[in-house]
PDB file of N, CA and C in Angstrom:
ATOM      1  N   MET A   1      17.865  -4.015   6.426  1.00  0.00           N
ATOM      2  CA  MET A   1      16.923  -3.181   7.026  1.00  0.00           C
ATOM      3  C   MET A   1      15.697  -3.976   7.650  1.00  0.00           C
ATOM      4  N   GLU A   2      15.260  -3.141   8.730  1.00  0.00           N
ATOM      5  CA  GLU A   2      13.980  -4.018   9.216  1.00  0.00           C
ATOM      6  C   GLU A   2      12.836  -3.080   8.851  1.00  0.00           C
ATOM      7  N   ILE A   3      12.130  -4.049   8.398  1.00  0.00           N
ATOM      8  CA  ILE A   3      10.757  -3.508   7.693  1.00  0.00           C
ATOM      9  C   ILE A   3       9.811  -4.001   8.184  1.00  0.00           C
ATOM     10  N   SER A   4       8.391  -3.519   8.816  1.00  0.00           N
ATOM     11  CA  SER A   4       7.289  -4.012   9.431  1.00  0.00           C
ATOM     12  C   SER A   4       6.005  -3.104   9.257  1.00  0.00           C
ATOM     13  N   PHE A   5       4.860  -3.406   9.264  1.00  0.00           N
ATOM     14  CA  PHE A   5       3.691  -2.903   9.217  1.00  0.00           C
ATOM     15  C   PHE A   5       2.822  -3.019  10.332  1.00  0.00           C
ATOM     16  N   PRO A   6       3.059  -1.913  11.426  1.00  0.00           N
ATOM     17  CA  PRO A   6       2.717  -2.329  12.531  1.00  0.00           C
ATOM     18  C   PRO A   6       1.164  -2.291  12.772  1.00  0.00           C
ATOM     19  N   ASN A   7       0.540  -1.185  11.912  1.00  0.00           N
ATOM     20  CA  ASN A   7      -1.235  -1.298  11.947  1.00  0.00           C
ATOM     21  C   ASN A   7      -1.532  -0.454  13.263  1.00  0.00           C
ATOM     22  N   LEU A   8      -0.580   0.598  13.562  1.00  0.00           N
ATOM     23  CA  LEU A   8      -0.950   1.439  14.853  1.00  0.00           C
ATOM     24  C   LEU A   8      -2.063   2.439  14.115  1.00  0.00           C
ATOM     25  N   VAL A   9      -2.079   2.794  13.026  1.00  0.00           N
ATOM     26  CA  VAL A   9      -3.055   3.942  12.191  1.00  0.00           C
ATOM     27  C   VAL A   9      -3.309   2.693  11.092  1.00  0.00           C
ATOM     28  N   MET A  10      -4.767   2.815  11.005  1.00  0.00           N
ATOM     29  CA  MET A  10      -5.628   2.328  10.067  1.00  0.00           C
ATOM     30  C   MET A  10      -5.216   2.800   8.382  1.00  0.00           C
ATOM     31  N   PRO A  11      -5.186   2.099   7.388  1.00  0.00           N
ATOM     32  CA  PRO A  11      -4.907   2.487   6.168  1.00  0.00           C
ATOM     33  C   PRO A  11      -6.100   3.718   6.117  1.00  0.00           C
ATOM     34  N   LYS A  12      -5.770   4.534   5.227  1.00  0.00           N
ATOM     35  CA  LYS A  12      -6.624   5.469   4.830  1.00  0.00           C
ATOM     36  C   LYS A  12      -6.781   6.074   3.554  1.00  0.00           C
ATOM     37  N   VAL A  13      -7.803   6.722   2.835  1.00  0.00           N
ATOM     38  CA  VAL A  13      -8.090   6.917   1.326  1.00  0.00           C
ATOM     39  C   VAL A  13      -7.454   8.303   1.252  1.00  0.00           C
ATOM     40  N   THR A  14      -6.537   8.962   0.229  1.00  0.00           N
ATOM     41  CA  THR A  14      -6.064  10.120   0.323  1.00  0.00           C
ATOM     42  C   THR A  14      -6.957  10.919  -0.800  1.00  0.00           C
ATOM     43  N   ALA A  15      -6.660  11.857  -0.891  1.00  0.00           N
ATOM     44  CA  ALA A  15      -7.257  12.985  -1.817  1.00  0.00           C
ATOM     45  C   ALA A  15      -6.813  12.610  -3.141  1.00  0.00           C
ATOM     46  N   MET A  16      -5.969  11.934  -3.243  1.00  0.00           N
ATOM     47  CA  MET A  16      -5.632  11.339  -4.854  1.00  0.00           C
ATOM     48  C   MET A  16      -6.054  10.327  -5.187  1.00  0.00           C
ATOM     49  N   GLY A  17      -7.257   9.722  -4.054  1.00  0.00           N
ATOM     50  CA  GLY A  17      -7.682   8.305  -4.438  1.00  0.00           C
ATOM     51  C   GLY A  17      -6.424   7.056  -4.295  1.00  0.00           C
ATOM     52  N   THR A  18      -5.616   7.314  -3.683  1.00  0.00           N
ATOM     53  CA  THR A  18      -4.671   5.977  -3.124  1.00  0.00           C
ATOM     54  C   THR A  18      -4.972   5.761  -1.659  1.00  0.00           C
ATOM     55  N   ILE A  19      -4.535   4.533  -1.335  1.00  0.00           N
ATOM     56  CA  ILE A  19      -4.470   4.111   0.027  1.00  0.00           C
ATOM     57  C   ILE A  19      -3.211   3.999   0.389  1.00  0.00           C
ATOM     58  N   SER A  20      -3.139   5.071   1.543  1.00  0.00           N
ATOM     59  CA  SER A  20      -1.914   5.106   2.123  1.00  0.00           C
ATOM     60  C   SER A  20      -1.891   4.260   3.552  1.00  0.00           C
ATOM     61  N   PHE A  21      -0.512   3.606   3.555  1.00  0.00           N
ATOM     62  CA  PHE A  21      -0.559   2.695   4.814  1.00  0.00           C
ATOM     63  C   PHE A  21       0.890   2.921   5.797  1.00  0.00           C
ATOM     64  N   GLN A  22       0.772   2.757   6.807  1.00  0.00           N
ATOM     65  CA  GLN A  22       1.826   2.909   7.910  1.00  0.00           C
ATOM     66  C   GLN A  22       2.637   2.056   7.652  1.00  0.00           C
ATOM     67  N   THR A  23       4.173   2.249   7.469  1.00  0.00           N
ATOM     68  CA  THR A  23       5.203   1.143   7.536  1.00  0.00           C
ATOM     69  C   THR A  23       6.419   1.802   8.477  1.00  0.00           C
ATOM     70  N   LEU A  24       6.997   0.875   9.109  1.00  0.00           N
ATOM     71  CA  LEU A  24       7.912   1.141  10.216  1.00  0.00           C
ATOM     72  C   LEU A  24       9.405   0.513   9.714  1.00  0.00           C
ATOM     73  N   VAL A  25      10.433   1.725   9.159  1.00  0.00           N
ATOM     74  CA  VAL A  25      11.517   1.258   8.470  1.00  0.00           C
ATOM     75  C   VAL A  25      12.358   1.395   9.116  1.00  0.00           C
ATOM     76  N   ASP A  26      13.417   0.740  10.152  1.00  0.00           N
ATOM     77  CA  ASP A  26      14.426   1.007  10.892  1.00  0.00           C
ATOM     78  C   ASP A  26      14.346   1.757  11.964  1.00  0.00           C
ATOM     79  N   GLY A  27      12.930   1.529  12.737  1.00  0.00           N
ATOM     80  CA  GLY A  27      12.325   2.304  13.790  1.00  0.00           C
ATOM     81  C   GLY A  27      11.692   3.735  13.580  1.00  0.00           C
ATOM     82  N   GLU A  28      11.806   3.954  11.827  1.00  0.00           N
ATOM     83  CA  GLU A  28      11.112   5.397  11.723  1.00  0.00           C
ATOM     84  C   GLU A  28      10.133   5.094  10.976  1.00  0.00           C
ATOM     85  N   TYR A  29       8.828   5.815  11.016  1.00  0.00           N
ATOM     86  CA  TYR A  29       7.391   5.862  10.523  1.00  0.00           C
ATOM     87  C   TYR A  29       7.287   6.407   9.378  1.00  0.00           C
ATOM     88  N   ILE A  30       6.991   5.589   8.191  1.00  0.00           N
ATOM     89  CA  ILE A  30       6.853   6.351   6.934  1.00  0.00           C
ATOM     90  C   ILE A  30       5.315   5.859   6.595  1.00  0.00           C
ATOM     91  N   TRP A  31       5.266   6.260   5.601  1.00  0.00           N
ATOM     92  CA  TRP A  31       3.710   6.172   4.693  1.00  0.00           C
ATOM     93  C   TRP A  31       3.986   5.849   3.465  1.00  0.00           C
ATOM     94  N   CYS A  32       3.362   4.654   2.950  1.00  0.00           N
ATOM     95  CA  CYS A  32       3.249   4.251   1.432  1.00  0.00           C
ATOM     96  C   CYS A  32       2.289   4.157   1.240  1.00  0.00           C
ATOM     97  N   GLU A  33       1.542   4.028  -0.417  1.00  0.00           N
ATOM     98  CA  GLU A  33       0.674   4.071  -0.857  1.00  0.00           C
ATOM     99  C   GLU A  33       0.335   3.002  -2.182  1.00  0.00           C
ATOM    100  N   ILE A  34      -0.743   2.843  -2.229  1.00  0.00           N
ATOM    101  CA  ILE A  34      -1.069   1.955  -3.498  1.00  0.00           C
ATOM    102  C   ILE A  34      -2.222   2.704  -4.276  1.00  0.00           C
ATOM    103  N   SER A  35      -1.974   2.804  -5.778  1.00  0.00           N
ATOM    104  CA  SER A  35      -2.610   3.501  -6.396  1.00  0.00           C
ATOM    105  C   SER A  35      -4.327   2.671  -6.660  1.00  0.00           C
ATOM    106  N   CYS A  36      -5.235   3.420  -7.044  1.00  0.00           N
ATOM    107  CA  CYS A  36      -6.635   2.720  -7.436  1.00  0.00           C
ATOM    108  C   CYS A  36      -6.516   2.293  -8.260  1.00  0.00           C
ATOM    109  N   GLU A  37      -5.867   2.386  -9.375  1.00  0.00           N
ATOM    110  CA  GLU A  37      -5.234   1.736 -10.340  1.00  0.00           C
ATOM    111  C   GLU A  37      -5.021   0.267 -10.273  1.00  0.00           C
ATOM    112  N   ALA A  38      -3.882   0.108  -9.382  1.00  0.00           N
ATOM    113  CA  ALA A  38      -3.617  -1.251  -8.936  1.00  0.00           C
ATOM    114  C   ALA A  38      -4.630  -1.949  -8.130  1.00  0.00           C
ATOM    115  N   LEU A  39      -5.116  -0.992  -7.229  1.00  0.00           N
ATOM    116  CA  LEU A  39      -6.556  -1.933  -6.801  1.00  0.00           C
ATOM    117  C   LEU A  39      -7.625  -2.383  -7.631  1.00  0.00           C
ATOM    118  N   ARG A  40      -7.776  -1.751  -8.599  1.00  0.00           N
ATOM    119  CA  ARG A  40      -8.730  -2.008  -9.612  1.00  0.00           C
ATOM    120  C   ARG A  40      -8.236  -3.276 -10.198  1.00  0.00           C
ATOM    121  N   ASP A  41      -6.911  -2.989 -10.845  1.00  0.00           N
ATOM    122  CA  ASP A  41      -6.405  -4.017 -12.018  1.00  0.00           C
ATOM    123  C   ASP A  41      -6.282  -5.368 -11.486  1.00  0.00           C
ATOM    124  N   HIS A  42      -5.747  -5.387 -10.176  1.00  0.00           N
ATOM    125  CA  HIS A  42      -5.336  -6.220  -9.621  1.00  0.00           C
ATOM    126  C   HIS A  42      -5.749  -6.970  -8.539  1.00  0.00           C
ATOM    127  N   PHE A  43      -6.858  -6.478  -7.566  1.00  0.00           N
ATOM    128  CA  PHE A  43      -7.159  -6.887  -6.543  1.00  0.00           C
ATOM    129  C   PHE A  43      -8.828  -6.436  -6.306  1.00  0.00           C
ATOM    130  N   GLY A  44      -9.456  -6.332  -7.675  1.00  0.00           N
ATOM    131  CA  GLY A  44     -10.731  -6.494  -7.697  1.00  0.00           C
ATOM    132  C   GLY A  44     -11.572  -5.053  -7.191  1.00  0.00           C
ATOM    133  N   ALA A  45     -11.087  -4.071  -6.859  1.00  0.00           N
ATOM    134  CA  ALA A  45     -11.656  -3.031  -6.717  1.00  0.00           C
ATOM    135  C   ALA A  45     -12.856  -2.760  -7.724  1.00  0.00           C
ATOM    136  N   HIS A  46     -14.160  -2.623  -7.587  1.00  0.00           N
ATOM    137  CA  HIS A  46     -15.163  -2.102  -8.544  1.00  0.00           C
ATOM    138  C   HIS A  46     -15.281  -0.837  -8.855  1.00  0.00           C
ATOM    139  N   SER A  47     -14.661   0.170  -7.804  1.00  0.00           N
ATOM    140  CA  SER A  47     -15.237   1.457  -8.159  1.00  0.00           C
ATOM    141  C   SER A  47     -13.720   2.226  -7.307  1.00  0.00           C
ATOM    142  N   MET A  48     -13.942   3.682  -7.843  1.00  0.00           N
ATOM    143  CA  MET A  48     -13.180   4.517  -7.112  1.00  0.00           C
ATOM    144  C   MET A  48     -13.752   4.682  -5.596  1.00  0.00           C
ATOM    145  N   ASP A  49     -14.635   4.547  -5.255  1.00  0.00           N
ATOM    146  CA  ASP A  49     -15.457   4.563  -3.786  1.00  0.00           C
ATOM    147  C   ASP A  49     -14.214   4.219  -2.714  1.00  0.00           C
ATOM    148  N   GLY A  50     -14.082   5.173  -1.718  1.00  0.00           N
ATOM    149  CA  GLY A  50     -13.161   4.841  -0.823  1.00  0.00           C
ATOM    150  C   GLY A  50     -13.167   3.448   0.168  1.00  0.00           C
ATOM    151  N   ASN A  51     -14.348   3.457   0.142  1.00  0.00           N
ATOM    152  CA  ASN A  51     -15.192   2.043   0.927  1.00  0.00           C
ATOM    153  C   ASN A  51     -14.360   0.902   0.111  1.00  0.00           C
ATOM    154  N   ASP A  52     -14.991   0.924  -1.313  1.00  0.00           N
ATOM    155  CA  ASP A  52     -14.544  -0.141  -2.155  1.00  0.00           C
ATOM    156  C   ASP A  52     -12.845  -0.450  -2.221  1.00  0.00           C
ATOM    157  N   LEU A  53     -12.414   0.768  -2.503  1.00  0.00           N
ATOM    158  CA  LEU A  53     -10.446   0.200  -2.434  1.00  0.00           C
ATOM    159  C   LEU A  53      -9.827  -0.202  -0.839  1.00  0.00           C
ATOM    160  N   LEU A  54     -10.613   0.683   0.105  1.00  0.00           N
ATOM    161  CA  LEU A  54     -10.298   0.114   1.506  1.00  0.00           C
ATOM    162  C   LEU A  54     -10.746  -1.401   1.529  1.00  0.00           C
ATOM    163  N   TYR A  55     -11.664  -1.951   1.021  1.00  0.00           N
ATOM    164  CA  TYR A  55     -12.096  -3.328   1.282  1.00  0.00           C
ATOM    165  C   TYR A  55     -11.043  -4.196   0.168  1.00  0.00           C
ATOM    166  N   SER A  56     -10.848  -3.810  -0.838  1.00  0.00           N
ATOM    167  CA  SER A  56      -9.956  -4.509  -1.975  1.00  0.00           C
ATOM    168  C   SER A  56      -8.642  -4.572  -1.023  1.00  0.00           C
ATOM    169  N   PHE A  57      -7.873  -3.332  -0.462  1.00  0.00           N
ATOM    170  CA  PHE A  57      -6.875  -3.204   0.252  1.00  0.00           C
ATOM    171  C   PHE A  57      -6.516  -4.268   1.336  1.00  0.00           C
ATOM    172  N   HIS A  58      -7.612  -4.469   2.020  1.00  0.00           N
ATOM    173  CA  HIS A  58      -7.772  -5.078   3.011  1.00  0.00           C
ATOM    174  C   HIS A  58      -7.730  -6.884   2.548  1.00  0.00           C
ATOM    175  N   MET A  59      -8.579  -7.151   1.777  1.00  0.00           N
ATOM    176  CA  MET A  59      -8.337  -8.491   1.172  1.00  0.00           C
ATOM    177  C   MET A  59      -7.235  -8.855   0.582  1.00  0.00           C
ATOM    178  N   SER A  60      -6.399  -8.103   0.307  1.00  0.00           N
ATOM    179  CA  SER A  60      -5.194  -8.413  -0.559  1.00  0.00           C
ATOM    180  C   SER A  60      -3.782  -8.020   0.026  1.00  0.00           C
ATOM    181  N   LYS A  61      -4.208  -7.525   1.259  1.00  0.00           N
ATOM    182  CA  LYS A  61      -3.244  -6.809   2.218  1.00  0.00           C
ATOM    183  C   LYS A  61      -1.804  -7.542   2.026  1.00  0.00           C
ATOM    184  N   GLU A  62      -1.850  -8.868   2.370  1.00  0.00           N
ATOM    185  CA  GLU A  62      -0.598  -9.885   2.342  1.00  0.00           C
ATOM    186  C   GLU A  62       0.263  -9.600   1.497  1.00  0.00           C
ATOM    187  N   GLU A  63      -0.615  -9.807  -0.166  1.00  0.00           N
ATOM    188  CA  GLU A  63       0.525  -9.543  -1.138  1.00  0.00           C
ATOM    189  C   GLU A  63       1.239  -7.990  -1.487  1.00  0.00           C
ATOM    190  N   ILE A  64       0.073  -6.998  -1.027  1.00  0.00           N
ATOM    191  CA  ILE A  64       0.130  -5.362  -1.099  1.00  0.00           C
ATOM    192  C   ILE A  64       1.725  -5.305  -0.096  1.00  0.00           C
ATOM    193  N   LEU A  65       1.530  -6.004   0.784  1.00  0.00           N
ATOM    194  CA  LEU A  65       2.735  -5.601   1.870  1.00  0.00           C
ATOM    195  C   LEU A  65       4.079  -5.900   1.414  1.00  0.00           C
ATOM    196  N   GLN A  66       3.687  -7.598   1.025  1.00  0.00           N
ATOM    197  CA  GLN A  66       4.855  -7.853   0.264  1.00  0.00           C
ATOM    198  C   GLN A  66       5.700  -7.078  -0.491  1.00  0.00           C
ATOM    199  N   THR A  67       5.151  -6.749  -1.349  1.00  0.00           N
ATOM    200  CA  THR A  67       5.347  -6.029  -2.776  1.00  0.00           C
ATOM    201  C   THR A  67       5.976  -4.656  -2.252  1.00  0.00           C
ATOM    202  N   ALA A  68       5.164  -4.018  -1.126  1.00  0.00           N
ATOM    203  CA  ALA A  68       5.858  -3.182  -0.592  1.00  0.00           C
ATOM    204  C   ALA A  68       7.222  -3.063  -0.108  1.00  0.00           C
ATOM    205  N   ARG A  69       7.511  -4.298   0.683  1.00  0.00           N
ATOM    206  CA  ARG A  69       8.465  -4.600   1.485  1.00  0.00           C
ATOM    207  C   ARG A  69       9.715  -4.792   0.304  1.00  0.00           C
ATOM    208  N   ASN A  70       9.229  -5.573  -0.805  1.00  0.00           N
ATOM    209  CA  ASN A  70      10.342  -5.408  -1.971  1.00  0.00           C
ATOM    210  C   ASN A  70      10.821  -4.242  -2.261  1.00  0.00           C
ATOM    211  N   TYR A  71       9.898  -3.344  -2.609  1.00  0.00           N
ATOM    212  CA  TYR A  71      10.446  -2.065  -3.051  1.00  0.00           C
ATOM    213  C   TYR A  71      11.205  -1.204  -2.075  1.00  0.00           C
ATOM    214  N   LEU A  72      10.727  -1.379  -0.678  1.00  0.00           N
ATOM    215  CA  LEU A  72      11.382  -0.733   0.191  1.00  0.00           C
ATOM    216  C   LEU A  72      12.651  -1.115   0.350  1.00  0.00           C
ATOM    217  N   GLU A  73      13.010  -2.258   0.350  1.00  0.00           N
ATOM    218  CA  GLU A  73      14.236  -2.822   0.154  1.00  0.00           C
ATOM    219  C   GLU A  73      15.370  -2.364  -0.741  1.00  0.00           C
ATOM    220  N   LEU A  74      14.591  -2.421  -2.224  1.00  0.00           N
ATOM    221  CA  LEU A  74      15.070  -1.671  -3.261  1.00  0.00           C
ATOM    222  C   LEU A  74      15.726  -0.277  -3.221  1.00  0.00           C
ATOM    223  N   ASN A  75      14.623   0.332  -2.659  1.00  0.00           N
ATOM    224  CA  ASN A  75      15.059   2.108  -2.831  1.00  0.00           C
ATOM    225  C   ASN A  75      15.536   2.630  -1.450  1.00  0.00           C
ATOM    226  N   GLY A  76      16.026   1.593  -0.347  1.00  0.00           N
ATOM    227  CA  GLY A  76      16.794   2.158   0.867  1.00  0.00           C
ATOM    228  C   GLY A  76      15.720   2.602   2.026  1.00  0.00           C
ATOM    229  N   GLY A  77      14.540   2.039   1.869  1.00  0.00           N
ATOM    230  CA  GLY A  77      13.528   2.519   2.746  1.00  0.00           C
ATOM    231  C   GLY A  77      12.734   3.805   2.868  1.00  0.00           C
ATOM    232  N   ARG A  78      12.854   4.361   1.558  1.00  0.00           N
ATOM    233  CA  ARG A  78      11.903   5.769   1.220  1.00  0.00           C
ATOM    234  C   ARG A  78      10.614   5.261   0.673  1.00  0.00           C
ATOM    235  N   PRO A  79       9.507   6.040   1.149  1.00  0.00           N
ATOM    236  CA  PRO A  79       8.090   5.660   1.004  1.00  0.00           C
ATOM    237  C   PRO A  79       8.294   5.363  -0.533  1.00  0.00           C
ATOM    238  N   VAL A  80       6.997   4.372  -0.830  1.00  0.00           N
ATOM    239  CA  VAL A  80       6.826   4.036  -1.996  1.00  0.00           C
ATOM    240  C   VAL A  80       5.269   4.013  -2.308  1.00  0.00           C
ATOM    241  N   LEU A  81       4.891   4.357  -3.895  1.00  0.00           N
ATOM    242  CA  LEU A  81       3.668   4.517  -4.397  1.00  0.00           C
ATOM    243  C   LEU A  81       3.693   3.448  -5.218  1.00  0.00           C
ATOM    244  N   LEU A  82       2.627   2.206  -5.008  1.00  0.00           N
ATOM    245  CA  LEU A  82       2.971   1.085  -5.659  1.00  0.00           C
ATOM    246  C   LEU A  82       1.591   1.127  -6.647  1.00  0.00           C
ATOM    247  N   MET A  83       2.137   1.086  -8.004  1.00  0.00           N
ATOM    248  CA  MET A  83       1.047   1.250  -9.141  1.00  0.00           C
ATOM    249  C   MET A  83       0.851   0.061  -9.872  1.00  0.00           C
ATOM    250  N   ALA A  84       0.086   0.179 -10.639  1.00  0.00           N
ATOM    251  CA  ALA A  84      -0.641  -1.129 -11.550  1.00  0.00           C
ATOM    252  C   ALA A  84       0.762  -2.114 -11.886  1.00  0.00           C
ATOM    253  N   VAL A  85       1.780  -1.369 -12.582  1.00  0.00           N
ATOM    254  CA  VAL A  85       2.784  -2.175 -13.081  1.00  0.00           C
ATOM    255  C   VAL A  85       3.889  -2.848 -11.932  1.00  0.00           C
ATOM    256  N   ASN A  86       3.738  -2.539 -10.919  1.00  0.00           N
ATOM    257  CA  ASN A  86       4.233  -3.222  -9.778  1.00  0.00           C
ATOM    258  C   ASN A  86       3.683  -4.624  -9.274  1.00  0.00           C
ATOM    259  N   PHE A  87       2.833  -5.023  -9.940  1.00  0.00           N
ATOM    260  CA  PHE A  87       1.984  -6.341  -9.664  1.00  0.00           C
ATOM    261  C   PHE A  87       2.016  -7.020 -10.889  1.00  0.00           C
ATOM    262  N   LYS A  88       2.133  -8.478 -10.987  1.00  0.00           N
ATOM    263  CA  LYS A  88       2.036  -9.051 -12.183  1.00  0.00           C
ATOM    264  C   LYS A  88       0.629  -9.423 -12.472  1.00  0.00           C
TER     265      LYS A  88
END
């Protein structure tokens, strides 16, 4: 399975307060997300403010994307929602 994070579309804050980011799996674009709880509990987001969540995402992007890659490999390349329990 070929997985990449092309960054053609910038990550965005969703109406549910998650950060959604574009992923390319075997040539098909999908959207994955990380919860605000994960960003607060593990990556230092100080609030639910969209700018704060995006800042935390960008500062921890490498670890978040690696975790997304791991879960995409496990679930056959379907979109994932990363929660606080997905991080140590």
